[in-house]
Amino acid sequence: MAKTEEKKFEELMNELDEIVKDLESGNSDLEESIKKYTEAMKIVKMCNEKLETATEAVNKILKENGELEDYKIEEE
């Protein structure tokens, strides 16, 4: 299996969903629940970083000369 850092956003979200379902079921003891919660928080951080990177990429526009610049919304 790939390292967590190398997983795609969707894979991480699926993993997070499974952890949440498991925690909500109440079938884990306290120590196991804490371990799962800690792992979930690590996944949330990685997902957030991936989303920030994607947002930065989407907020760039290509100028006519081929350079990227920040996209600015002009408010009226």
Protein backbone atom coordinates (compact mmCIF):
# COMPACT_ATOMS: atom_id res chain seq x y z
CA MET A 1 0.00 0.00 0.00
CA ALA A 2 1.20 3.53 -0.73
CA LYS A 3 2.35 5.78 2.05
CA THR A 4 -0.34 8.12 3.34
CA GLU A 5 1.57 11.16 2.02
CA GLU A 6 1.44 9.73 -1.50
CA LYS A 7 -2.29 9.01 -1.52
CA LYS A 8 -4.69 11.05 -3.57
CA PHE A 9 -7.18 13.38 -1.91
CA GLU A 10 -10.08 11.04 -2.66
CA GLU A 11 -8.26 8.07 -1.14
CA LEU A 12 -7.57 10.07 2.01
CA MET A 13 -11.22 11.13 2.23
CA ASN A 14 -12.35 7.50 1.90
CA GLU A 15 -9.92 6.48 4.63
CA LEU A 16 -11.20 9.31 6.84
CA ASP A 17 -14.79 8.26 6.19
CA GLU A 18 -14.01 4.70 7.31
CA ILE A 19 -12.38 5.96 10.51
CA VAL A 20 -15.37 8.20 11.28
CA LYS A 21 -17.81 5.34 10.70
CA ASP A 22 -15.76 3.11 12.98
CA LEU A 23 -15.61 5.76 15.72
CA GLU A 24 -19.34 6.43 15.43
CA SER A 25 -20.12 2.73 15.79
CA GLY A 26 -18.72 2.78 19.33
CA ASN A 27 -17.14 -0.65 18.91
CA SER A 28 -13.60 0.47 19.80
CA ASP A 29 -12.21 0.82 23.29
CA LEU A 30 -10.94 4.19 24.48
CA GLU A 31 -7.28 3.63 23.57
CA GLU A 32 -8.14 2.39 20.08
CA SER A 33 -10.54 5.30 19.59
CA ILE A 34 -7.82 7.77 20.54
CA LYS A 35 -5.41 6.17 18.06
CA LYS A 36 -8.05 6.33 15.31
CA TYR A 37 -8.92 9.93 16.17
CA THR A 38 -5.23 10.87 16.01
CA GLU A 39 -4.89 9.19 12.62
CA ALA A 40 -8.03 10.97 11.41
CA MET A 41 -6.60 14.34 12.44
CA LYS A 42 -3.40 13.60 10.49
CA ILE A 43 -5.50 12.76 7.44
CA VAL A 44 -7.52 15.97 7.86
CA LYS A 45 -4.27 17.97 7.92
CA MET A 46 -3.03 16.28 4.73
CA CYS A 47 -6.37 16.86 3.00
CA ASN A 48 -6.29 20.51 4.02
CA GLU A 49 -2.78 20.90 2.60
CA LYS A 50 -3.85 19.27 -0.67
CA LEU A 51 -6.87 21.58 -0.88
CA GLU A 52 -4.73 24.65 -0.23
CA THR A 53 -2.32 23.59 -2.98
CA ALA A 54 -5.20 23.00 -5.38
CA THR A 55 -6.76 26.35 -4.51
CA GLU A 56 -3.48 28.15 -5.17
CA ALA A 57 -3.17 26.42 -8.55
CA VAL A 58 -6.75 27.23 -9.53
CA ASN A 59 -6.34 30.87 -8.50
CA LYS A 60 -3.57 31.41 -11.04
CA ILE A 61 -4.27 32.55 -14.58
CA LEU A 62 -2.05 32.31 -17.60
CA LYS A 63 -1.09 35.68 -19.09
CA GLU A 64 -0.66 36.13 -22.83
CA ASN A 65 3.13 35.84 -22.49
CA GLY A 66 2.75 32.45 -20.78
CA GLU A 67 3.44 33.65 -17.23
CA LEU A 68 1.18 32.74 -14.34
CA GLU A 69 -0.25 35.45 -12.14
CA ASP A 70 -2.72 35.51 -9.28
CA TYR A 71 -6.32 35.74 -10.36
CA LYS A 72 -7.91 38.84 -8.92
CA ILE A 73 -11.63 39.40 -8.73
CA GLU A 74 -12.52 43.04 -9.23
CA GLU A 75 -15.43 44.04 -7.04
CA GLU A 76 -17.70 46.74 -8.35
